[in-house]
Amino acid sequence: MSFKTFSSDEWAIILGGSSGFGLASAQKLACHGLNICVVHRDRRGAMSRIEPEFEKIRSQGVSLLSVNKDALKPDIRDEILDQLEEAGNVVGKVRVVLHSIAFGNLKLIAPEGLQNQDSRKRLADELGVEDSELATVVDRLFSEGYDGLQGLTTPPEYSSDSFLDEEDMARTIESMGTNLLAWTQAVADRKLFSDDARVLGLTSEGNRVAWKGYAAVGAAKVALESVSRSIAVEMASLGIRSNIIQAGVTDTPALRMIPGNTHLKAQARIRNPFKRLTTPKDVANVVYLLSLPESSWINGEIIRVDGGEGISGASR
């Protein structure tokens, strides 16, 4: 029997809630009594996977408003909020807005330089085998989970004829960064926020570490963090607390879109004191904690949820 933490008339708006962090958070908050408005953008064919997950939310005895539309368009945003208002008396009842939209460009900014494979070639020579033969074995073992071999594997492939441009950068920053403010302002303008509301977003270590192909998303994460701090200061008078969760490397659909994600996951497991990746449930648990009344004095922060991955200097 789940303990219902929240009032039966309170709501959470989850932007990007059909997979990964957003879905796990929606299910966690529903388990504790929050009604859920999930906004997602998925093809019809994906709904056979998504609907059973949404049914888990309904099974908690809460209301679920699921909207499969583009949350990044202003007119659609207004339409979604209209639907939410029609679903019930939600004025002053939105406790949580979680921005979990993953819509970013993952192109390199310039051609990649030549990859140094001297170590593997030298090892092949010492073993008396062909480099190609050793590469096949190493790549296979790496794919089976032997993370310590990553330095000997075939390097990730990146596009060599399409690079990040100004439009790519601007669109990514808007989608994954400043859109948080647009939604927060829209909800506030309609006076939907409760007097102890939470605005939450998601960042990553790419906010300060330059991963290849992550320039646009990294810039968006920094913008998101800056916007959140401004919300924390300028909207405190409305009862809003705004914080950003910095998740460790997590095997989500969004991560799998990043070139070289297999190597990122291997690095994370090696570094992490607990030798595993962060999970969506790890993050959802902290979304829940930050939504509680007891967390009301946490405002304008970036909260790491990574098991110590970000502070570990371990290399093996």
Foldseek 3Di string as FASTA:
>chain_A
DAAAQDDQQAAEEQEAQQWFLNLLLLLLNLSNRHAYEYEAADDPVCVVVRVVSVVSSVVSVHHYHYHHDDCLDPVVLVVSVVVVVVVDPQQQRYAEYEYDDQDAWQAFAAADDDDDQPVLCVVCVVVVHHSVVSQVVLQVVLVVPPLVSVVNHDAWDHDRPDGDDPVRLVVLLSRQAVVLVVSVVVCVVSNRHHLQHEYEYEDEPLCPDPDGSCVSVNNSRVNNLVVQLCCLPVVVVSNYAYEYEYEYLEPIPSLVVHTPSSNSQSQQLQQAPVSHFDGSNLSSVVVVVCSHPVNSPHHSYYHYRTNCSVVGPGRD
